[in-house]
Amino acid sequence: QMEQTSWGPYVTSIHGLAGSMDDRTYWQFLSAENALDEGVGIYK
């Protein structure tokens, strides 16, 4: 699941597991162990 933000699409949940501000959790996207510097809607 995702939501649209002014910065583009933001992935909120994968496989039924959602990130939470209360738990300070989120889905991080990596390539070769490095965090992507672009969002999922732009990174190719």
All heavy atoms as atom14 arrays in JSON, in Angstrom:
{
  "sequence": "QMEQTSWGPYVTSIHGLAGSMDDRTYWQFLSAENALDEGVGIYK",
  "atom14_mask": [
    [1, 1, 1, 1, 1, 1, 1, 1, 1, 0, 0, 0, 0, 0],
    [1, 1, 1, 1, 1, 1, 1, 1, 0, 0, 0, 0, 0, 0],
    [1, 1, 1, 1, 1, 1, 1, 1, 1, 0, 0, 0, 0, 0],
    [1, 1, 1, 1, 1, 1, 1, 1, 1, 0, 0, 0, 0, 0],
    [1, 1, 1, 1, 1, 1, 1, 0, 0, 0, 0, 0, 0, 0],
    [1, 1, 1, 1, 1, 1, 0, 0, 0, 0, 0, 0, 0, 0],
    [1, 1, 1, 1, 1, 1, 1, 1, 1, 1, 1, 1, 1, 1],
    [1, 1, 1, 1, 0, 0, 0, 0, 0, 0, 0, 0, 0, 0],
    [1, 1, 1, 1, 1, 1, 1, 0, 0, 0, 0, 0, 0, 0],
    [1, 1, 1, 1, 1, 1, 1, 1, 1, 1, 1, 1, 0, 0],
    [1, 1, 1, 1, 1, 1, 1, 0, 0, 0, 0, 0, 0, 0],
    [1, 1, 1, 1, 1, 1, 1, 0, 0, 0, 0, 0, 0, 0],
    [1, 1, 1, 1, 1, 1, 0, 0, 0, 0, 0, 0, 0, 0],
    [1, 1, 1, 1, 1, 1, 1, 1, 0, 0, 0, 0, 0, 0],
    [1, 1, 1, 1, 1, 1, 1, 1, 1, 1, 0, 0, 0, 0],
    [1, 1, 1, 1, 0, 0, 0, 0, 0, 0, 0, 0, 0, 0],
    [1, 1, 1, 1, 1, 1, 1, 1, 0, 0, 0, 0, 0, 0],
    [1, 1, 1, 1, 1, 0, 0, 0, 0, 0, 0, 0, 0, 0],
    [1, 1, 1, 1, 0, 0, 0, 0, 0, 0, 0, 0, 0, 0],
    [1, 1, 1, 1, 1, 1, 0, 0, 0, 0, 0, 0, 0, 0],
    [1, 1, 1, 1, 1, 1, 1, 1, 0, 0, 0, 0, 0, 0],
    [1, 1, 1, 1, 1, 1, 1, 1, 0, 0, 0, 0, 0, 0],
    [1, 1, 1, 1, 1, 1, 1, 1, 0, 0, 0, 0, 0, 0],
    [1, 1, 1, 1, 1, 1, 1, 1, 1, 1, 1, 0, 0, 0],
    [1, 1, 1, 1, 1, 1, 1, 0, 0, 0, 0, 0, 0, 0],
    [1, 1, 1, 1, 1, 1, 1, 1, 1, 1, 1, 1, 0, 0],
    [1, 1, 1, 1, 1, 1, 1, 1, 1, 1, 1, 1, 1, 1],
    [1, 1, 1, 1, 1, 1, 1, 1, 1, 0, 0, 0, 0, 0],
    [1, 1, 1, 1, 1, 1, 1, 1, 1, 1, 1, 0, 0, 0],
    [1, 1, 1, 1, 1, 1, 1, 1, 0, 0, 0, 0, 0, 0],
    [1, 1, 1, 1, 1, 1, 0, 0, 0, 0, 0, 0, 0, 0],
    [1, 1, 1, 1, 1, 0, 0, 0, 0, 0, 0, 0, 0, 0],
    [1, 1, 1, 1, 1, 1, 1, 1, 1, 0, 0, 0, 0, 0],
    [1, 1, 1, 1, 1, 1, 1, 1, 0, 0, 0, 0, 0, 0],
    [1, 1, 1, 1, 1, 0, 0, 0, 0, 0, 0, 0, 0, 0],
    [1, 1, 1, 1, 1, 1, 1, 1, 0, 0, 0, 0, 0, 0],
    [1, 1, 1, 1, 1, 1, 1, 1, 0, 0, 0, 0, 0, 0],
    [1, 1, 1, 1, 1, 1, 1, 1, 1, 0, 0, 0, 0, 0],
    [1, 1, 1, 1, 0, 0, 0, 0, 0, 0, 0, 0, 0, 0],
    [1, 1, 1, 1, 1, 1, 1, 0, 0, 0, 0, 0, 0, 0],
    [1, 1, 1, 1, 0, 0, 0, 0, 0, 0, 0, 0, 0, 0],
    [1, 1, 1, 1, 1, 1, 1, 1, 0, 0, 0, 0, 0, 0],
    [1, 1, 1, 1, 1, 1, 1, 1, 1, 1, 1, 1, 0, 0],
    [1, 1, 1, 1, 1, 1, 1, 1, 1, 0, 0, 0, 0, 0]
  ],
  "atom14_positions": [
    [[0.86, -1.18, 0.0], [0.0, 0.0, 0.0], [0.89, 1.22, 0.0], [2.02, 1.19, 0.52], [-0.92, 0.02, 1.22], [-1.94, -1.09, 1.21], [-2.85, -1.03, 2.43], [-2.56, -0.38, 3.43], [-3.98, -1.71, 2.34], [0.0, 0.0, 0.0], [0.0, 0.0, 0.0], [0.0, 0.0, 0.0], [0.0, 0.0, 0.0], [0.0, 0.0, 0.0]],
    [[0.37, 2.28, -0.58], [1.14, 3.52, -0.62], [0.18, 4.69, -0.53], [-1.03, 4.54, -0.66], [1.95, 3.6, -1.91], [1.13, 3.61, -3.15], [2.13, 3.91, -4.58], [0.88, 4.56, -5.65], [0.0, 0.0, 0.0], [0.0, 0.0, 0.0], [0.0, 0.0, 0.0], [0.0, 0.0, 0.0], [0.0, 0.0, 0.0], [0.0, 0.0, 0.0]],
    [[0.75, 5.85, -0.28], [-0.04, 7.08, -0.3], [0.71, 8.11, -1.13], [1.95, 8.07, -1.2], [-0.32, 7.59, 1.11], [0.91, 7.96, 1.9], [0.59, 8.38, 3.33], [-0.22, 7.7, 4.0], [1.16, 9.39, 3.78], [0.0, 0.0, 0.0], [0.0, 0.0, 0.0], [0.0, 0.0, 0.0], [0.0, 0.0, 0.0], [0.0, 0.0, 0.0]],
    [[-0.03, 8.97, -1.77], [0.59, 10.03, -2.55], [0.95, 11.18, -1.63], [0.15, 11.57, -0.78], [-0.37, 10.53, -3.64], [-0.41, 9.67, -4.87], [0.92, 9.63, -5.62], [1.75, 10.52, -5.54], [1.11, 8.55, -6.37], [0.0, 0.0, 0.0], [0.0, 0.0, 0.0], [0.0, 0.0, 0.0], [0.0, 0.0, 0.0], [0.0, 0.0, 0.0]],
    [[2.15, 11.69, -1.77], [2.59, 12.86, -1.01], [3.08, 13.9, -2.0], [3.2, 13.62, -3.2], [3.74, 12.5, -0.04], [4.94, 12.28, -0.8], [3.42, 11.28, 0.8], [0.0, 0.0, 0.0], [0.0, 0.0, 0.0], [0.0, 0.0, 0.0], [0.0, 0.0, 0.0], [0.0, 0.0, 0.0], [0.0, 0.0, 0.0], [0.0, 0.0, 0.0]],
    [[3.38, 15.08, -1.52], [3.89, 16.13, -2.42], [5.28, 15.76, -2.95], [5.75, 16.35, -3.9], [3.92, 17.48, -1.7], [4.68, 17.37, -0.52], [0.0, 0.0, 0.0], [0.0, 0.0, 0.0], [0.0, 0.0, 0.0], [0.0, 0.0, 0.0], [0.0, 0.0, 0.0], [0.0, 0.0, 0.0], [0.0, 0.0, 0.0], [0.0, 0.0, 0.0]],
    [[5.93, 14.77, -2.33], [7.24, 14.3, -2.8], [7.1, 13.06, -3.68], [8.09, 12.47, -4.07], [8.15, 13.99, -1.61], [8.62, 15.22, -0.91], [8.07, 15.79, 0.2], [9.72, 16.04, -1.28], [8.76, 16.91, 0.53], [9.79, 17.09, -0.35], [10.66, 15.99, -2.31], [10.75, 18.09, -0.41], [11.62, 16.98, -2.37], [11.66, 18.01, -1.43]],
    [[5.88, 12.63, -3.96], [5.66, 11.44, -4.78], [5.08, 10.32, -3.95], [4.75, 10.49, -2.77], [0.0, 0.0, 0.0], [0.0, 0.0, 0.0], [0.0, 0.0, 0.0], [0.0, 0.0, 0.0], [0.0, 0.0, 0.0], [0.0, 0.0, 0.0], [0.0, 0.0, 0.0], [0.0, 0.0, 0.0], [0.0, 0.0, 0.0], [0.0, 0.0, 0.0]],
    [[4.95, 9.12, -4.54], [4.35, 8.0, -3.81], [5.24, 7.56, -2.64], [6.46, 7.52, -2.75], [4.25, 6.88, -4.85], [5.0, 7.33, -6.04], [5.3, 8.78, -5.91], [0.0, 0.0, 0.0], [0.0, 0.0, 0.0], [0.0, 0.0, 0.0], [0.0, 0.0, 0.0], [0.0, 0.0, 0.0], [0.0, 0.0, 0.0], [0.0, 0.0, 0.0]],
    [[4.59, 7.25, -1.52], [5.28, 6.8, -0.31], [4.71, 5.44, 0.07], [3.5, 5.31, 0.3], [5.08, 7.81, 0.82], [5.71, 7.37, 2.13], [7.08, 7.43, 2.31], [4.93, 6.89, 3.17], [7.66, 7.02, 3.51], [5.49, 6.49, 4.37], [6.86, 6.55, 4.53], [7.44, 6.15, 5.7], [0.0, 0.0, 0.0], [0.0, 0.0, 0.0]],
    [[5.56, 4.42, 0.13], [5.12, 3.06, 0.47], [4.9, 2.99, 1.98], [5.82, 3.2, 2.76], [6.15, 2.01, 0.0], [5.74, 0.62, 0.46], [6.32, 2.06, -1.5], [0.0, 0.0, 0.0], [0.0, 0.0, 0.0], [0.0, 0.0, 0.0], [0.0, 0.0, 0.0], [0.0, 0.0, 0.0], [0.0, 0.0, 0.0], [0.0, 0.0, 0.0]],
    [[3.67, 2.69, 2.37], [3.33, 2.63, 3.79], [3.32, 1.21, 4.33], [3.54, 1.01, 5.53], [1.94, 3.26, 4.03], [0.98, 2.58, 3.23], [1.95, 4.74, 3.68], [0.0, 0.0, 0.0], [0.0, 0.0, 0.0], [0.0, 0.0, 0.0], [0.0, 0.0, 0.0], [0.0, 0.0, 0.0], [0.0, 0.0, 0.0], [0.0, 0.0, 0.0]],
    [[3.06, 0.23, 3.45], [2.9, -1.14, 3.91], [3.32, -2.12, 2.81], [3.03, -1.89, 1.64], [1.43, -1.37, 4.28], [1.17, -2.73, 4.5], [0.0, 0.0, 0.0], [0.0, 0.0, 0.0], [0.0, 0.0, 0.0], [0.0, 0.0, 0.0], [0.0, 0.0, 0.0], [0.0, 0.0, 0.0], [0.0, 0.0, 0.0], [0.0, 0.0, 0.0]],
    [[4.0, -3.18, 3.2], [4.34, -4.28, 2.3], [4.04, -5.59, 3.04], [4.36, -5.72, 4.22], [5.83, -4.26, 1.87], [6.16, -2.97, 1.12], [6.18, -5.47, 1.01], [7.64, -2.82, 0.75], [0.0, 0.0, 0.0], [0.0, 0.0, 0.0], [0.0, 0.0, 0.0], [0.0, 0.0, 0.0], [0.0, 0.0, 0.0], [0.0, 0.0, 0.0]],
    [[3.42, -6.54, 2.34], [3.09, -7.85, 2.91], [2.27, -7.7, 4.19], [2.42, -8.45, 5.16], [4.38, -8.63, 3.17], [4.17, -10.08, 3.48], [3.71, -10.99, 2.56], [4.35, -10.78, 4.64], [3.64, -12.18, 3.13], [4.0, -12.08, 4.39], [0.0, 0.0, 0.0], [0.0, 0.0, 0.0], [0.0, 0.0, 0.0], [0.0, 0.0, 0.0]],
    [[1.43, -6.65, 4.22], [0.56, -6.42, 5.37], [1.24, -5.78, 6.57], [0.61, -5.58, 7.6], [0.0, 0.0, 0.0], [0.0, 0.0, 0.0], [0.0, 0.0, 0.0], [0.0, 0.0, 0.0], [0.0, 0.0, 0.0], [0.0, 0.0, 0.0], [0.0, 0.0, 0.0], [0.0, 0.0, 0.0], [0.0, 0.0, 0.0], [0.0, 0.0, 0.0]],
    [[2.51, -5.46, 6.46], [3.25, -4.85, 7.57], [3.46, -3.37, 7.28], [4.15, -3.0, 6.33], [4.6, -5.55, 7.77], [5.48, -5.04, 8.91], [4.77, -5.16, 10.26], [6.8, -5.81, 8.92], [0.0, 0.0, 0.0], [0.0, 0.0, 0.0], [0.0, 0.0, 0.0], [0.0, 0.0, 0.0], [0.0, 0.0, 0.0], [0.0, 0.0, 0.0]],
    [[2.85, -2.53, 8.11], [2.91, -1.09, 7.9], [3.91, -0.43, 8.83], [4.07, -0.83, 9.99], [1.53, -0.48, 8.12], [0.0, 0.0, 0.0], [0.0, 0.0, 0.0], [0.0, 0.0, 0.0], [0.0, 0.0, 0.0], [0.0, 0.0, 0.0], [0.0, 0.0, 0.0], [0.0, 0.0, 0.0], [0.0, 0.0, 0.0], [0.0, 0.0, 0.0]],
    [[4.57, 0.59, 8.31], [5.44, 1.41, 9.13], [4.59, 2.23, 10.1], [3.39, 2.42, 9.89], [0.0, 0.0, 0.0], [0.0, 0.0, 0.0], [0.0, 0.0, 0.0], [0.0, 0.0, 0.0], [0.0, 0.0, 0.0], [0.0, 0.0, 0.0], [0.0, 0.0, 0.0], [0.0, 0.0, 0.0], [0.0, 0.0, 0.0], [0.0, 0.0, 0.0]],
    [[5.22, 2.72, 11.15], [4.48, 3.44, 12.19], [5.35, 4.54, 12.77], [6.51, 4.3, 13.13], [4.06, 2.47, 13.29], [3.69, 3.15, 14.45], [0.0, 0.0, 0.0], [0.0, 0.0, 0.0], [0.0, 0.0, 0.0], [0.0, 0.0, 0.0], [0.0, 0.0, 0.0], [0.0, 0.0, 0.0], [0.0, 0.0, 0.0], [0.0, 0.0, 0.0]],
    [[4.78, 5.73, 12.89], [5.52, 6.82, 13.54], [5.71, 6.51, 15.02], [6.74, 6.86, 15.59], [4.8, 8.14, 13.34], [4.88, 8.63, 11.89], [3.97, 10.14, 11.56], [4.81, 11.29, 12.6], [0.0, 0.0, 0.0], [0.0, 0.0, 0.0], [0.0, 0.0, 0.0], [0.0, 0.0, 0.0], [0.0, 0.0, 0.0], [0.0, 0.0, 0.0]],
    [[4.73, 5.84, 15.63], [4.85, 5.5, 17.05], [6.02, 4.54, 17.3], [6.76, 4.69, 18.27], [3.55, 4.86, 17.57], [2.39, 5.84, 17.57], [2.64, 7.06, 17.59], [1.24, 5.38, 17.53], [0.0, 0.0, 0.0], [0.0, 0.0, 0.0], [0.0, 0.0, 0.0], [0.0, 0.0, 0.0], [0.0, 0.0, 0.0], [0.0, 0.0, 0.0]],
    [[6.17, 3.55, 16.41], [7.27, 2.59, 16.54], [8.54, 3.05, 15.84], [9.56, 2.36, 15.89], [6.86, 1.23, 15.94], [5.72, 0.59, 16.68], [5.51, 0.91, 17.87], [5.02, -0.23, 16.06], [0.0, 0.0, 0.0], [0.0, 0.0, 0.0], [0.0, 0.0, 0.0], [0.0, 0.0, 0.0], [0.0, 0.0, 0.0], [0.0, 0.0, 0.0]],
    [[8.45, 4.18, 15.13], [9.56, 4.73, 14.34], [10.05, 3.7, 13.3], [11.23, 3.48, 13.13], [10.7, 5.17, 15.26], [10.26, 6.24, 16.25], [11.32, 6.57, 17.28], [12.6, 6.89, 16.72], [13.12, 8.12, 16.63], [12.44, 9.13, 17.09], [14.31, 8.31, 16.11], [0.0, 0.0, 0.0], [0.0, 0.0, 0.0], [0.0, 0.0, 0.0]],
    [[9.09, 3.08, 12.6], [9.43, 2.08, 11.59], [8.95, 2.53, 10.22], [7.99, 3.31, 10.1], [8.78, 0.72, 11.92], [7.37, 0.91, 12.09], [9.4, 0.1, 13.17], [0.0, 0.0, 0.0], [0.0, 0.0, 0.0], [0.0, 0.0, 0.0], [0.0, 0.0, 0.0], [0.0, 0.0, 0.0], [0.0, 0.0, 0.0], [0.0, 0.0, 0.0]],
    [[9.63, 2.05, 9.19], [9.29, 2.37, 7.81], [9.94, 1.35, 6.88], [10.78, 0.56, 7.31], [9.79, 3.78, 7.44], [11.3, 3.89, 7.35], [11.92, 3.99, 6.11], [12.1, 3.87, 8.49], [13.3, 4.08, 6.01], [13.47, 3.97, 8.4], [14.07, 4.07, 7.15], [15.44, 4.14, 7.05], [0.0, 0.0, 0.0], [0.0, 0.0, 0.0]],
    [[9.54, 1.36, 5.62], [10.14, 0.48, 4.61], [11.26, 1.25, 3.91], [11.03, 2.29, 3.31], [9.09, 0.01, 3.61], [8.25, -1.09, 4.18], [7.02, -0.98, 4.75], [8.62, -2.46, 4.27], [6.6, -2.2, 5.19], [7.56, -3.14, 4.9], [9.74, -3.19, 3.87], [7.58, -4.51, 5.14], [9.76, -4.56, 4.11], [8.69, -5.2, 4.74]],
    [[12.48, 0.73, 4.05], [13.65, 1.34, 3.43], [14.01, 0.55, 2.18], [14.03, -0.68, 2.2], [14.83, 1.35, 4.4], [16.07, 2.0, 3.83], [17.22, 2.02, 4.82], [17.38, 1.1, 5.62], [18.02, 3.07, 4.76], [0.0, 0.0, 0.0], [0.0, 0.0, 0.0], [0.0, 0.0, 0.0], [0.0, 0.0, 0.0], [0.0, 0.0, 0.0]],
    [[14.33, 1.25, 1.09], [14.67, 0.59, -0.17], [16.16, 0.73, -0.41], [16.74, 1.81, -0.31], [13.87, 1.2, -1.32], [12.41, 0.88, -1.2], [11.55, 1.69, -0.49], [11.89, -0.28, -1.78], [10.2, 1.38, -0.36], [10.56, -0.61, -1.66], [9.72, 0.23, -0.94], [0.0, 0.0, 0.0], [0.0, 0.0, 0.0], [0.0, 0.0, 0.0]],
    [[16.8, -0.42, -0.73], [18.25, -0.49, -0.89], [18.62, -1.13, -2.22], [17.89, -1.98, -2.74], [18.87, -1.33, 0.23], [18.5, -1.0, 1.66], [18.88, -2.14, 2.59], [19.2, 0.27, 2.08], [0.0, 0.0, 0.0], [0.0, 0.0, 0.0], [0.0, 0.0, 0.0], [0.0, 0.0, 0.0], [0.0, 0.0, 0.0], [0.0, 0.0, 0.0]],
    [[19.78, -0.74, -2.71], [20.4, -1.41, -3.85], [21.87, -1.56, -3.5], [22.52, -0.58, -3.13], [20.25, -0.57, -5.12], [20.94, -1.18, -6.19], [0.0, 0.0, 0.0], [0.0, 0.0, 0.0], [0.0, 0.0, 0.0], [0.0, 0.0, 0.0], [0.0, 0.0, 0.0], [0.0, 0.0, 0.0], [0.0, 0.0, 0.0], [0.0, 0.0, 0.0]],
    [[22.37, -2.77, -3.58], [23.76, -3.06, -3.21], [24.07, -2.53, -1.8], [25.09, -1.9, -1.57], [24.73, -2.46, -4.23], [0.0, 0.0, 0.0], [0.0, 0.0, 0.0], [0.0, 0.0, 0.0], [0.0, 0.0, 0.0], [0.0, 0.0, 0.0], [0.0, 0.0, 0.0], [0.0, 0.0, 0.0], [0.0, 0.0, 0.0], [0.0, 0.0, 0.0]],
    [[23.12, -2.77, -0.88], [23.26, -2.41, 0.53], [23.22, -0.9, 0.78], [23.42, -0.45, 1.9], [24.55, -3.0, 1.13], [24.71, -4.48, 0.91], [23.98, -5.33, 1.94], [23.8, -4.87, 3.07], [23.59, -6.45, 1.58], [0.0, 0.0, 0.0], [0.0, 0.0, 0.0], [0.0, 0.0, 0.0], [0.0, 0.0, 0.0], [0.0, 0.0, 0.0]],
    [[22.99, -0.09, -0.25], [22.93, 1.37, -0.1], [21.5, 1.86, -0.27], [20.79, 1.41, -1.17], [23.81, 2.06, -1.15], [25.27, 1.72, -0.98], [25.8, 1.75, 0.12], [25.92, 1.35, -2.06], [0.0, 0.0, 0.0], [0.0, 0.0, 0.0], [0.0, 0.0, 0.0], [0.0, 0.0, 0.0], [0.0, 0.0, 0.0], [0.0, 0.0, 0.0]],
    [[21.1, 2.8, 0.59], [19.76, 3.36, 0.5], [19.6, 4.1, -0.83], [20.53, 4.78, -1.29], [19.52, 4.32, 1.66], [0.0, 0.0, 0.0], [0.0, 0.0, 0.0], [0.0, 0.0, 0.0], [0.0, 0.0, 0.0], [0.0, 0.0, 0.0], [0.0, 0.0, 0.0], [0.0, 0.0, 0.0], [0.0, 0.0, 0.0], [0.0, 0.0, 0.0]],
    [[18.44, 3.96, -1.45], [18.17, 4.65, -2.7], [18.03, 6.15, -2.41], [17.49, 6.54, -1.38], [16.89, 4.13, -3.34], [16.87, 2.65, -3.71], [15.56, 2.31, -4.41], [18.05, 2.3, -4.61], [0.0, 0.0, 0.0], [0.0, 0.0, 0.0], [0.0, 0.0, 0.0], [0.0, 0.0, 0.0], [0.0, 0.0, 0.0], [0.0, 0.0, 0.0]],
    [[18.53, 6.95, -3.33], [18.43, 8.4, -3.13], [17.27, 9.02, -3.88], [17.13, 10.24, -3.95], [19.74, 9.09, -3.51], [20.15, 8.84, -4.95], [19.42, 8.16, -5.68], [21.22, 9.34, -5.35], [0.0, 0.0, 0.0], [0.0, 0.0, 0.0], [0.0, 0.0, 0.0], [0.0, 0.0, 0.0], [0.0, 0.0, 0.0], [0.0, 0.0, 0.0]],
    [[16.41, 8.17, -4.45], [15.2, 8.62, -5.11], [14.04, 7.76, -4.64], [14.24, 6.63, -4.21], [15.32, 8.5, -6.64], [16.37, 9.41, -7.24], [16.52, 9.19, -8.73], [16.61, 8.02, -9.16], [16.54, 10.19, -9.46], [0.0, 0.0, 0.0], [0.0, 0.0, 0.0], [0.0, 0.0, 0.0], [0.0, 0.0, 0.0], [0.0, 0.0, 0.0]],
    [[12.84, 8.29, -4.75], [11.66, 7.55, -4.33], [11.26, 6.48, -5.32], [11.76, 6.43, -6.45], [0.0, 0.0, 0.0], [0.0, 0.0, 0.0], [0.0, 0.0, 0.0], [0.0, 0.0, 0.0], [0.0, 0.0, 0.0], [0.0, 0.0, 0.0], [0.0, 0.0, 0.0], [0.0, 0.0, 0.0], [0.0, 0.0, 0.0], [0.0, 0.0, 0.0]],
    [[10.32, 5.63, -4.92], [9.9, 4.5, -5.75], [9.25, 4.95, -7.05], [9.26, 4.22, -8.03], [8.96, 3.54, -4.99], [9.66, 2.9, -3.81], [7.67, 4.23, -4.57], [0.0, 0.0, 0.0], [0.0, 0.0, 0.0], [0.0, 0.0, 0.0], [0.0, 0.0, 0.0], [0.0, 0.0, 0.0], [0.0, 0.0, 0.0], [0.0, 0.0, 0.0]],
    [[8.68, 6.14, -7.07], [8.03, 6.64, -8.28], [8.98, 7.21, -9.3], [8.59, 7.48, -10.43], [0.0, 0.0, 0.0], [0.0, 0.0, 0.0], [0.0, 0.0, 0.0], [0.0, 0.0, 0.0], [0.0, 0.0, 0.0], [0.0, 0.0, 0.0], [0.0, 0.0, 0.0], [0.0, 0.0, 0.0], [0.0, 0.0, 0.0], [0.0, 0.0, 0.0]],
    [[10.25, 7.4, -8.92], [11.24, 7.99, -9.83], [12.4, 7.05, -10.09], [12.91, 6.98, -11.2], [11.76, 9.32, -9.26], [10.62, 10.34, -9.24], [12.93, 9.85, -10.08], [11.01, 11.67, -8.66], [0.0, 0.0, 0.0], [0.0, 0.0, 0.0], [0.0, 0.0, 0.0], [0.0, 0.0, 0.0], [0.0, 0.0, 0.0], [0.0, 0.0, 0.0]],
    [[12.84, 6.3, -9.08], [14.02, 5.44, -9.24], [13.79, 4.4, -10.33], [12.78, 3.71, -10.34], [14.37, 4.75, -7.92], [15.64, 3.96, -8.02], [16.87, 4.6, -7.95], [15.63, 2.59, -8.23], [18.05, 3.89, -8.07], [16.8, 1.87, -8.35], [18.02, 2.53, -8.27], [19.19, 1.83, -8.4], [0.0, 0.0, 0.0], [0.0, 0.0, 0.0]],
    [[14.76, 4.29, -11.24], [14.67, 3.34, -12.36], [15.76, 2.28, -12.22], [16.93, 2.55, -12.49], [14.79, 4.07, -13.69], [13.64, 5.01, -13.92], [13.77, 5.78, -15.19], [12.58, 6.71, -15.33], [12.72, 7.62, -16.45], [0.0, 0.0, 0.0], [0.0, 0.0, 0.0], [0.0, 0.0, 0.0], [0.0, 0.0, 0.0], [0.0, 0.0, 0.0]]
  ]
}
